[in-house]
PDB file of all heavy atoms in Angstrom:
ATOM      1  N   GLY A   1     139.745 274.367  66.747  1.00  0.00           N
ATOM      2  CA  GLY A   1     140.677 273.416  66.168  1.00  0.00           C
ATOM      3  C   GLY A   1     140.823 272.193  67.063  1.00  0.00           C
ATOM      4  O   GLY A   1     139.852 271.719  67.630  1.00  0.00           O
ATOM      5  N   ARG A   2     142.031 271.704  67.217  1.00  0.00           N
ATOM      6  CA  ARG A   2     142.295 270.479  67.976  1.00  0.00           C
ATOM      7  C   ARG A   2     142.360 270.755  69.470  1.00  0.00           C
ATOM      8  O   ARG A   2     143.386 270.576  70.111  1.00  0.00           O
ATOM      9  CB  ARG A   2     143.580 269.833  67.489  1.00  0.00           C
ATOM     10  CG  ARG A   2     143.531 269.374  66.049  1.00  0.00           C
ATOM     11  CD  ARG A   2     144.755 268.580  65.669  1.00  0.00           C
ATOM     12  NE  ARG A   2     144.886 267.363  66.481  1.00  0.00           N
ATOM     13  CZ  ARG A   2     145.888 266.508  66.369  1.00  0.00           C
ATOM     14  NH1 ARG A   2     146.850 266.724  65.485  1.00  0.00           N
ATOM     15  NH2 ARG A   2     145.937 265.442  67.130  1.00  0.00           N
ATOM     16  N   THR A   3     141.241 271.156  70.021  1.00  0.00           N
ATOM     17  CA  THR A   3     141.206 271.525  71.438  1.00  0.00           C
ATOM     18  C   THR A   3     141.218 270.302  72.345  1.00  0.00           C
ATOM     19  O   THR A   3     141.479 270.437  73.545  1.00  0.00           O
ATOM     20  CB  THR A   3     139.976 272.377  71.733  1.00  0.00           C
ATOM     21  OG1 THR A   3     138.807 271.647  71.355  1.00  0.00           O
ATOM     22  CG2 THR A   3     140.013 273.689  70.957  1.00  0.00           C
ATOM     23  N   ASN A   4     140.957 269.115  71.820  1.00  0.00           N
ATOM     24  CA  ASN A   4     140.916 267.936  72.681  1.00  0.00           C
ATOM     25  C   ASN A   4     142.285 267.544  73.192  1.00  0.00           C
ATOM     26  O   ASN A   4     142.407 266.730  74.110  1.00  0.00           O
ATOM     27  CB  ASN A   4     140.260 266.764  71.949  1.00  0.00           C
ATOM     28  CG  ASN A   4     141.003 266.396  70.670  1.00  0.00           C
ATOM     29  OD1 ASN A   4     141.856 267.162  70.202  1.00  0.00           O
ATOM     30  ND2 ASN A   4     140.702 265.256  70.109  1.00  0.00           N
ATOM     31  N   SER A   5     143.338 268.093  72.619  1.00  0.00           N
ATOM     32  CA  SER A   5     144.690 267.784  73.090  1.00  0.00           C
ATOM     33  C   SER A   5     145.197 268.820  74.086  1.00  0.00           C
ATOM     34  O   SER A   5     146.361 268.789  74.490  1.00  0.00           O
ATOM     35  CB  SER A   5     145.655 267.707  71.907  1.00  0.00           C
ATOM     36  OG  SER A   5     145.707 268.955  71.231  1.00  0.00           O
ATOM     37  N   ASN A   6     144.312 269.709  74.517  1.00  0.00           N
ATOM     38  CA  ASN A   6     144.755 270.782  75.410  1.00  0.00           C
ATOM     39  C   ASN A   6     145.223 270.249  76.752  1.00  0.00           C
ATOM     40  O   ASN A   6     144.560 269.406  77.364  1.00  0.00           O
ATOM     41  CB  ASN A   6     143.622 271.791  75.605  1.00  0.00           C
ATOM     42  CG  ASN A   6     144.070 272.942  76.473  1.00  0.00           C
ATOM     43  OD1 ASN A   6     143.652 273.089  77.617  1.00  0.00           O
ATOM     44  ND2 ASN A   6     144.951 273.767  75.954  1.00  0.00           N
ATOM     45  N   ASN A   7     146.347 270.765  77.218  1.00  0.00           N
ATOM     46  CA  ASN A   7     146.933 270.364  78.491  1.00  0.00           C
ATOM     47  C   ASN A   7     146.863 271.465  79.527  1.00  0.00           C
ATOM     48  O   ASN A   7     147.074 271.225  80.698  1.00  0.00           O
ATOM     49  CB  ASN A   7     148.391 269.963  78.257  1.00  0.00           C
ATOM     50  CG  ASN A   7     148.956 269.146  79.396  1.00  0.00           C
ATOM     51  OD1 ASN A   7     148.268 268.341  80.014  1.00  0.00           O
ATOM     52  ND2 ASN A   7     150.217 269.364  79.696  1.00  0.00           N
ATOM     53  N   GLY A   8     146.591 272.681  79.082  1.00  0.00           N
ATOM     54  CA  GLY A   8     146.537 273.816  79.979  1.00  0.00           C
ATOM     55  C   GLY A   8     146.554 275.087  79.161  1.00  0.00           C
ATOM     56  O   GLY A   8     146.936 275.080  77.982  1.00  0.00           O
ATOM     57  N   MET A   9     146.119 276.165  79.770  1.00  0.00           N
ATOM     58  CA  MET A   9     146.053 277.463  79.100  1.00  0.00           C
ATOM     59  C   MET A   9     146.729 278.511  79.961  1.00  0.00           C
ATOM     60  O   MET A   9     146.699 278.418  81.192  1.00  0.00           O
ATOM     61  CB  MET A   9     144.595 277.861  78.866  1.00  0.00           C
ATOM     62  CG  MET A   9     143.806 276.899  78.008  1.00  0.00           C
ATOM     63  SD  MET A   9     144.305 276.944  76.287  1.00  0.00           S
ATOM     64  CE  MET A   9     143.780 278.589  75.826  1.00  0.00           C
ATOM     65  N   GLY A  10     147.294 279.505  79.313  1.00  0.00           N
ATOM     66  CA  GLY A  10     147.956 280.566  80.063  1.00  0.00           C
ATOM     67  C   GLY A  10     147.690 281.932  79.478  1.00  0.00           C
ATOM     68  O   GLY A  10     147.291 282.064  78.315  1.00  0.00           O
ATOM     69  N   TRP A  11     147.898 282.939  80.308  1.00  0.00           N
ATOM     70  CA  TRP A  11     147.891 284.334  79.875  1.00  0.00           C
ATOM     71  C   TRP A  11     149.275 284.914  80.153  1.00  0.00           C
ATOM     72  O   TRP A  11     149.827 284.731  81.241  1.00  0.00           O
ATOM     73  CB  TRP A  11     146.847 285.147  80.634  1.00  0.00           C
ATOM     74  CG  TRP A  11     145.431 284.887  80.231  1.00  0.00           C
ATOM     75  CD1 TRP A  11     144.535 284.046  80.842  1.00  0.00           C
ATOM     76  CD2 TRP A  11     144.736 285.485  79.142  1.00  0.00           C
ATOM     77  NE1 TRP A  11     143.336 284.082  80.189  1.00  0.00           N
ATOM     78  CE2 TRP A  11     143.426 284.969  79.136  1.00  0.00           C
ATOM     79  CE3 TRP A  11     145.074 286.414  78.159  1.00  0.00           C
ATOM     80  CZ2 TRP A  11     142.466 285.340  78.197  1.00  0.00           C
ATOM     81  CZ3 TRP A  11     144.123 286.793  77.220  1.00  0.00           C
ATOM     82  CH2 TRP A  11     142.831 286.252  77.248  1.00  0.00           C
ATOM     83  N   PHE A  12     149.793 285.596  79.173  1.00  0.00           N
ATOM     84  CA  PHE A  12     151.046 286.321  79.294  1.00  0.00           C
ATOM     85  C   PHE A  12     150.797 287.768  78.880  1.00  0.00           C
ATOM     86  O   PHE A  12     149.787 288.067  78.254  1.00  0.00           O
ATOM     87  CB  PHE A  12     152.117 285.705  78.392  1.00  0.00           C
ATOM     88  CG  PHE A  12     152.612 284.367  78.866  1.00  0.00           C
ATOM     89  CD1 PHE A  12     151.829 283.230  78.713  1.00  0.00           C
ATOM     90  CD2 PHE A  12     153.851 284.233  79.470  1.00  0.00           C
ATOM     91  CE1 PHE A  12     152.268 281.980  79.159  1.00  0.00           C
ATOM     92  CE2 PHE A  12     154.312 283.001  79.916  1.00  0.00           C
ATOM     93  CZ  PHE A  12     153.513 281.870  79.758  1.00  0.00           C
ATOM     94  N   ARG A  13     151.731 288.650  79.217  1.00  0.00           N
ATOM     95  CA  ARG A  13     151.599 290.043  78.791  1.00  0.00           C
ATOM     96  C   ARG A  13     152.963 290.598  78.447  1.00  0.00           C
ATOM     97  O   ARG A  13     153.992 290.130  78.947  1.00  0.00           O
ATOM     98  CB  ARG A  13     150.923 290.879  79.869  1.00  0.00           C
ATOM     99  CG  ARG A  13     151.740 291.053  81.137  1.00  0.00           C
ATOM    100  CD  ARG A  13     150.901 291.783  82.194  1.00  0.00           C
ATOM    101  NE  ARG A  13     151.659 292.007  83.425  1.00  0.00           N
ATOM    102  CZ  ARG A  13     151.137 292.488  84.548  1.00  0.00           C
ATOM    103  NH1 ARG A  13     149.828 292.812  84.599  1.00  0.00           N
ATOM    104  NH2 ARG A  13     151.884 292.664  85.623  1.00  0.00           N
ATOM    105  N   GLN A  14     152.928 291.608  77.598  1.00  0.00           N
ATOM    106  CA  GLN A  14     154.159 292.271  77.201  1.00  0.00           C
ATOM    107  C   GLN A  14     153.923 293.761  77.119  1.00  0.00           C
ATOM    108  O   GLN A  14     153.095 294.219  76.321  1.00  0.00           O
ATOM    109  CB  GLN A  14     154.671 291.739  75.867  1.00  0.00           C
ATOM    110  CG  GLN A  14     156.044 292.257  75.483  1.00  0.00           C
ATOM    111  CD  GLN A  14     156.665 291.486  74.340  1.00  0.00           C
ATOM    112  OE1 GLN A  14     155.982 290.789  73.599  1.00  0.00           O
ATOM    113  NE2 GLN A  14     157.980 291.596  74.208  1.00  0.00           N
ATOM    114  N   ALA A  15     154.656 294.484  77.931  1.00  0.00           N
ATOM    115  CA  ALA A  15     154.592 295.940  77.928  1.00  0.00           C
ATOM    116  C   ALA A  15     155.671 296.478  76.988  1.00  0.00           C
ATOM    117  O   ALA A  15     156.666 295.790  76.720  1.00  0.00           O
ATOM    118  CB  ALA A  15     154.798 296.470  79.339  1.00  0.00           C
ATOM    119  N   PRO A  16     155.511 297.701  76.497  1.00  0.00           N
ATOM    120  CA  PRO A  16     156.509 298.267  75.582  1.00  0.00           C
ATOM    121  C   PRO A  16     157.908 298.261  76.199  1.00  0.00           C
ATOM    122  O   PRO A  16     158.091 298.682  77.338  1.00  0.00           O
ATOM    123  CB  PRO A  16     156.005 299.697  75.367  1.00  0.00           C
ATOM    124  CG  PRO A  16     154.544 299.614  75.610  1.00  0.00           C
ATOM    125  CD  PRO A  16     154.359 298.601  76.689  1.00  0.00           C
ATOM    126  N   GLY A  17     158.868 297.735  75.456  1.00  0.00           N
ATOM    127  CA  GLY A  17     160.249 297.732  75.907  1.00  0.00           C
ATOM    128  C   GLY A  17     160.575 296.668  76.943  1.00  0.00           C
ATOM    129  O   GLY A  17     161.688 296.655  77.476  1.00  0.00           O
ATOM    130  N   LYS A  18     159.605 295.789  77.225  1.00  0.00           N
ATOM    131  CA  LYS A  18     159.836 294.763  78.243  1.00  0.00           C
ATOM    132  C   LYS A  18     159.671 293.372  77.652  1.00  0.00           C
ATOM    133  O   LYS A  18     159.066 293.193  76.597  1.00  0.00           O
ATOM    134  CB  LYS A  18     158.874 294.949  79.410  1.00  0.00           C
ATOM    135  CG  LYS A  18     159.100 296.229  80.199  1.00  0.00           C
ATOM    136  CD  LYS A  18     158.237 296.262  81.441  1.00  0.00           C
ATOM    137  CE  LYS A  18     158.517 297.490  82.282  1.00  0.00           C
ATOM    138  NZ  LYS A  18     157.690 297.515  83.521  1.00  0.00           N
ATOM    139  N   GLU A  19     160.179 292.379  78.376  1.00  0.00           N
ATOM    140  CA  GLU A  19     160.025 290.992  77.960  1.00  0.00           C
ATOM    141  C   GLU A  19     158.592 290.527  78.230  1.00  0.00           C
ATOM    142  O   GLU A  19     157.901 291.059  79.110  1.00  0.00           O
ATOM    143  CB  GLU A  19     160.993 290.101  78.745  1.00  0.00           C
ATOM    144  CG  GLU A  19     162.463 290.388  78.504  1.00  0.00           C
ATOM    145  CD  GLU A  19     162.896 289.905  77.134  1.00  0.00           C
ATOM    146  OE1 GLU A  19     162.442 288.831  76.712  1.00  0.00           O
ATOM    147  OE2 GLU A  19     163.666 290.630  76.485  1.00  0.00           O
ATOM    148  N   ARG A  20     158.169 289.532  77.473  1.00  0.00           N
ATOM    149  CA  ARG A  20     156.870 288.921  77.733  1.00  0.00           C
ATOM    150  C   ARG A  20     156.935 288.206  79.085  1.00  0.00           C
ATOM    151  O   ARG A  20     157.914 287.513  79.377  1.00  0.00           O
ATOM    152  CB  ARG A  20     156.515 287.928  76.635  1.00  0.00           C
ATOM    153  CG  ARG A  20     155.110 287.369  76.721  1.00  0.00           C
ATOM    154  CD  ARG A  20     154.771 286.551  75.508  1.00  0.00           C
ATOM    155  NE  ARG A  20     154.782 287.345  74.281  1.00  0.00           N
ATOM    156  CZ  ARG A  20     154.353 286.892  73.112  1.00  0.00           C
ATOM    157  NH1 ARG A  20     153.885 285.647  73.005  1.00  0.00           N
ATOM    158  NH2 ARG A  20     154.403 287.659  72.050  1.00  0.00           N
ATOM    159  N   GLU A  21     155.900 288.388  79.901  1.00  0.00           N
ATOM    160  CA  GLU A  21     155.917 287.796  81.226  1.00  0.00           C
ATOM    161  C   GLU A  21     154.648 286.998  81.503  1.00  0.00           C
ATOM    162  O   GLU A  21     153.573 287.297  80.983  1.00  0.00           O
ATOM    163  CB  GLU A  21     156.082 288.884  82.308  1.00  0.00           C
ATOM    164  CG  GLU A  21     154.944 289.861  82.404  1.00  0.00           C
ATOM    165  CD  GLU A  21     155.111 290.837  83.571  1.00  0.00           C
ATOM    166  OE1 GLU A  21     156.115 290.757  84.308  1.00  0.00           O
ATOM    167  OE2 GLU A  21     154.201 291.665  83.768  1.00  0.00           O
ATOM    168  N   PHE A  22     154.802 286.013  82.348  1.00  0.00           N
ATOM    169  CA  PHE A  22     153.693 285.162  82.755  1.00  0.00           C
ATOM    170  C   PHE A  22     152.723 285.952  83.628  1.00  0.00           C
ATOM    171  O   PHE A  22     153.142 286.735  84.484  1.00  0.00           O
ATOM    172  CB  PHE A  22     154.240 283.959  83.529  1.00  0.00           C
ATOM    173  CG  PHE A  22     153.205 283.144  84.219  1.00  0.00           C
ATOM    174  CD1 PHE A  22     152.429 282.237  83.511  1.00  0.00           C
ATOM    175  CD2 PHE A  22     152.983 283.280  85.578  1.00  0.00           C
ATOM    176  CE1 PHE A  22     151.464 281.476  84.147  1.00  0.00           C
ATOM    177  CE2 PHE A  22     152.025 282.528  86.223  1.00  0.00           C
ATOM    178  CZ  PHE A  22     151.268 281.629  85.508  1.00  0.00           C
ATOM    179  N   VAL A  23     151.432 285.711  83.420  1.00  0.00           N
ATOM    180  CA  VAL A  23     150.407 286.357  84.236  1.00  0.00           C
ATOM    181  C   VAL A  23     149.626 285.318  85.036  1.00  0.00           C
ATOM    182  O   VAL A  23     149.534 285.399  86.259  1.00  0.00           O
ATOM    183  CB  VAL A  23     149.440 287.178  83.357  1.00  0.00           C
ATOM    184  CG1 VAL A  23     148.300 287.753  84.205  1.00  0.00           C
ATOM    185  CG2 VAL A  23     150.174 288.281  82.622  1.00  0.00           C
ATOM    186  N   ALA A  24     149.038 284.342  84.342  1.00  0.00           N
ATOM    187  CA  ALA A  24     148.209 283.338  85.004  1.00  0.00           C
ATOM    188  C   ALA A  24     148.074 282.132  84.095  1.00  0.00           C
ATOM    189  O   ALA A  24     148.265 282.232  82.884  1.00  0.00           O
ATOM    190  CB  ALA A  24     146.831 283.903  85.331  1.00  0.00           C
ATOM    191  N   ALA A  25     147.735 280.987  84.703  1.00  0.00           N
ATOM    192  CA  ALA A  25     147.528 279.774  83.918  1.00  0.00           C
ATOM    193  C   ALA A  25     146.529 278.880  84.623  1.00  0.00           C
ATOM    194  O   ALA A  25     146.288 279.014  85.835  1.00  0.00           O
ATOM    195  CB  ALA A  25     148.842 279.035  83.697  1.00  0.00           C
ATOM    196  N   ILE A  26     145.965 277.959  83.848  1.00  0.00           N
ATOM    197  CA  ILE A  26     144.962 277.050  84.398  1.00  0.00           C
ATOM    198  C   ILE A  26     145.119 275.695  83.740  1.00  0.00           C
ATOM    199  O   ILE A  26     145.410 275.599  82.538  1.00  0.00           O
ATOM    200  CB  ILE A  26     143.546 277.632  84.187  1.00  0.00           C
ATOM    201  CG1 ILE A  26     142.486 276.817  84.921  1.00  0.00           C
ATOM    202  CG2 ILE A  26     143.212 277.753  82.693  1.00  0.00           C
ATOM    203  CD1 ILE A  26     141.142 277.531  85.016  1.00  0.00           C
ATOM    204  N   SER A  27     144.950 274.638  84.531  1.00  0.00           N
ATOM    205  CA  SER A  27     145.098 273.296  84.013  1.00  0.00           C
ATOM    206  C   SER A  27     143.922 272.908  83.129  1.00  0.00           C
ATOM    207  O   SER A  27     142.913 273.617  83.053  1.00  0.00           O
ATOM    208  CB  SER A  27     145.212 272.306  85.173  1.00  0.00           C
ATOM    209  OG  SER A  27     144.021 272.331  85.950  1.00  0.00           O
ATOM    210  N   ARG A  28     144.046 271.775  82.472  1.00  0.00           N
ATOM    211  CA  ARG A  28     143.010 271.304  81.555  1.00  0.00           C
ATOM    212  C   ARG A  28     141.638 271.216  82.225  1.00  0.00           C
ATOM    213  O   ARG A  28     140.629 271.618  81.655  1.00  0.00           O
ATOM    214  CB  ARG A  28     143.407 269.944  80.995  1.00  0.00           C
ATOM    215  CG  ARG A  28     142.375 269.271  80.098  1.00  0.00           C
ATOM    216  CD  ARG A  28     142.827 267.873  79.725  1.00  0.00           C
ATOM    217  NE  ARG A  28     141.815 267.144  78.977  1.00  0.00           N
ATOM    218  CZ  ARG A  28     141.855 266.947  77.677  1.00  0.00           C
ATOM    219  NH1 ARG A  28     142.850 267.424  76.960  1.00  0.00           N
ATOM    220  NH2 ARG A  28     140.894 266.259  77.076  1.00  0.00           N
ATOM    221  N   SER A  29     141.617 270.673  83.425  1.00  0.00           N
ATOM    222  CA  SER A  29     140.346 270.496  84.137  1.00  0.00           C
ATOM    223  C   SER A  29     139.862 271.774  84.806  1.00  0.00           C
ATOM    224  O   SER A  29     138.697 271.880  85.178  1.00  0.00           O
ATOM    225  CB  SER A  29     140.497 269.416  85.204  1.00  0.00           C
ATOM    226  OG  SER A  29     141.370 269.866  86.219  1.00  0.00           O
ATOM    227  N   GLY A  30     140.768 272.718  84.983  1.00  0.00           N
ATOM    228  CA  GLY A  30     140.435 273.923  85.734  1.00  0.00           C
ATOM    229  C   GLY A  30     140.681 273.780  87.216  1.00  0.00           C
ATOM    230  O   GLY A  30     140.482 274.725  87.976  1.00  0.00           O
ATOM    231  N   GLY A  31     141.141 272.611  87.637  1.00  0.00           N
ATOM    232  CA  GLY A  31     141.333 272.364  89.045  1.00  0.00           C
ATOM    233  C   GLY A  31     142.570 273.007  89.643  1.00  0.00           C
ATOM    234  O   GLY A  31     142.654 273.159  90.866  1.00  0.00           O
ATOM    235  N   SER A  32     143.508 273.373  88.791  1.00  0.00           N
ATOM    236  CA  SER A  32     144.729 274.030  89.269  1.00  0.00           C
ATOM    237  C   SER A  32     144.902 275.362  88.555  1.00  0.00           C
ATOM    238  O   SER A  32     144.753 275.432  87.339  1.00  0.00           O
ATOM    239  CB  SER A  32     145.957 273.153  89.002  1.00  0.00           C
ATOM    240  OG  SER A  32     145.876 271.940  89.714  1.00  0.00           O
ATOM    241  N   THR A  33     145.203 276.389  89.330  1.00  0.00           N
ATOM    242  CA  THR A  33     145.458 277.707  88.773  1.00  0.00           C
ATOM    243  C   THR A  33     146.790 278.232  89.305  1.00  0.00           C
ATOM    244  O   THR A  33     147.238 277.839  90.392  1.00  0.00           O
ATOM    245  CB  THR A  33     144.339 278.703  89.112  1.00  0.00           C
ATOM    246  OG1 THR A  33     144.187 278.763  90.540  1.00  0.00           O
ATOM    247  CG2 THR A  33     143.028 278.282  88.488  1.00  0.00           C
ATOM    248  N   TYR A  34     147.387 279.104  88.519  1.00  0.00           N
ATOM    249  CA  TYR A  34     148.714 279.628  88.834  1.00  0.00           C
ATOM    250  C   TYR A  34     148.716 281.124  88.521  1.00  0.00           C
ATOM    251  O   TYR A  34     148.137 281.540  87.525  1.00  0.00           O
ATOM    252  CB  TYR A  34     149.775 278.935  87.973  1.00  0.00           C
ATOM    253  CG  TYR A  34     149.644 277.427  87.941  1.00  0.00           C
ATOM    254  CD1 TYR A  34     148.760 276.807  87.069  1.00  0.00           C
ATOM    255  CD2 TYR A  34     150.399 276.628  88.801  1.00  0.00           C
ATOM    256  CE1 TYR A  34     148.631 275.435  87.038  1.00  0.00           C
ATOM    257  CE2 TYR A  34     150.287 275.246  88.763  1.00  0.00           C
ATOM    258  CZ  TYR A  34     149.400 274.658  87.887  1.00  0.00           C
ATOM    259  OH  TYR A  34     149.277 273.288  87.856  1.00  0.00           O
ATOM    260  N   TYR A  35     149.407 281.901  89.355  1.00  0.00           N
ATOM    261  CA  TYR A  35     149.421 283.355  89.175  1.00  0.00           C
ATOM    262  C   TYR A  35     150.804 283.917  89.418  1.00  0.00           C
ATOM    263  O   TYR A  35     151.554 283.421  90.268  1.00  0.00           O
ATOM    264  CB  TYR A  35     148.450 284.027  90.152  1.00  0.00           C
ATOM    265  CG  TYR A  35     147.010 283.666  89.938  1.00  0.00           C
ATOM    266  CD1 TYR A  35     146.402 282.649  90.669  1.00  0.00           C
ATOM    267  CD2 TYR A  35     146.239 284.345  88.985  1.00  0.00           C
ATOM    268  CE1 TYR A  35     145.084 282.313  90.447  1.00  0.00           C
ATOM    269  CE2 TYR A  35     144.908 284.015  88.774  1.00  0.00           C
ATOM    270  CZ  TYR A  35     144.345 282.994  89.506  1.00  0.00           C
ATOM    271  OH  TYR A  35     143.022 282.656  89.296  1.00  0.00           O
ATOM    272  N   ALA A  36     151.119 284.960  88.697  1.00  0.00           N
ATOM    273  CA  ALA A  36     152.295 285.758  89.011  1.00  0.00           C
ATOM    274  C   ALA A  36     152.034 286.522  90.305  1.00  0.00           C
ATOM    275  O   ALA A  36     150.892 286.912  90.585  1.00  0.00           O
ATOM    276  CB  ALA A  36     152.591 286.736  87.876  1.00  0.00           C
ATOM    277  N   ASP A  37     153.080 286.743  91.079  1.00  0.00           N
ATOM    278  CA  ASP A  37     152.914 287.452  92.345  1.00  0.00           C
ATOM    279  C   ASP A  37     152.310 288.842  92.139  1.00  0.00           C
ATOM    280  O   ASP A  37     151.551 289.327  92.981  1.00  0.00           O
ATOM    281  CB  ASP A  37     154.267 287.587  93.051  1.00  0.00           C
ATOM    282  CG  ASP A  37     154.755 286.261  93.627  1.00  0.00           C
ATOM    283  OD1 ASP A  37     153.942 285.329  93.771  1.00  0.00           O
ATOM    284  OD2 ASP A  37     155.959 286.174  93.928  1.00  0.00           O
ATOM    285  N   SER A  38     152.615 289.460  91.019  1.00  0.00           N
ATOM    286  CA  SER A  38     152.174 290.835  90.770  1.00  0.00           C
ATOM    287  C   SER A  38     150.667 290.941  90.560  1.00  0.00           C
ATOM    288  O   SER A  38     150.102 292.035  90.666  1.00  0.00           O
ATOM    289  CB  SER A  38     152.900 291.402  89.555  1.00  0.00           C
ATOM    290  OG  SER A  38     152.647 290.609  88.411  1.00  0.00           O
ATOM    291  N   VAL A  39     149.999 289.830  90.262  1.00  0.00           N
ATOM    292  CA  VAL A  39     148.559 289.877  89.998  1.00  0.00           C
ATOM    293  C   VAL A  39     147.750 289.056  90.991  1.00  0.00           C
ATOM    294  O   VAL A  39     146.511 289.094  90.962  1.00  0.00           O
ATOM    295  CB  VAL A  39     148.233 289.425  88.558  1.00  0.00           C
ATOM    296  CG1 VAL A  39     149.057 290.194  87.539  1.00  0.00           C
ATOM    297  CG2 VAL A  39     148.421 287.922  88.393  1.00  0.00           C
ATOM    298  N   LYS A  40     148.428 288.337  91.859  1.00  0.00           N
ATOM    299  CA  LYS A  40     147.741 287.460  92.808  1.00  0.00           C
ATOM    300  C   LYS A  40     146.802 288.295  93.683  1.00  0.00           C
ATOM    301  O   LYS A  40     147.172 289.344  94.207  1.00  0.00           O
ATOM    302  CB  LYS A  40     148.779 286.730  93.659  1.00  0.00           C
ATOM    303  CG  LYS A  40     148.318 285.416  94.237  1.00  0.00           C
ATOM    304  CD  LYS A  40     149.495 284.672  94.840  1.00  0.00           C
ATOM    305  CE  LYS A  40     150.449 284.156  93.793  1.00  0.00           C
ATOM    306  NZ  LYS A  40     151.547 283.349  94.364  1.00  0.00           N
TER     307      LYS A  40
END
């Protein structure tokens, strides 16, 4: 689809009975990455 407007991508996860939580993300260029402490 309209991927040219992408600003960044992320992964989240949700376990049974828990809130959705951040896992990792990456900027449009791929030059910046971000991680939850639990997966770093």
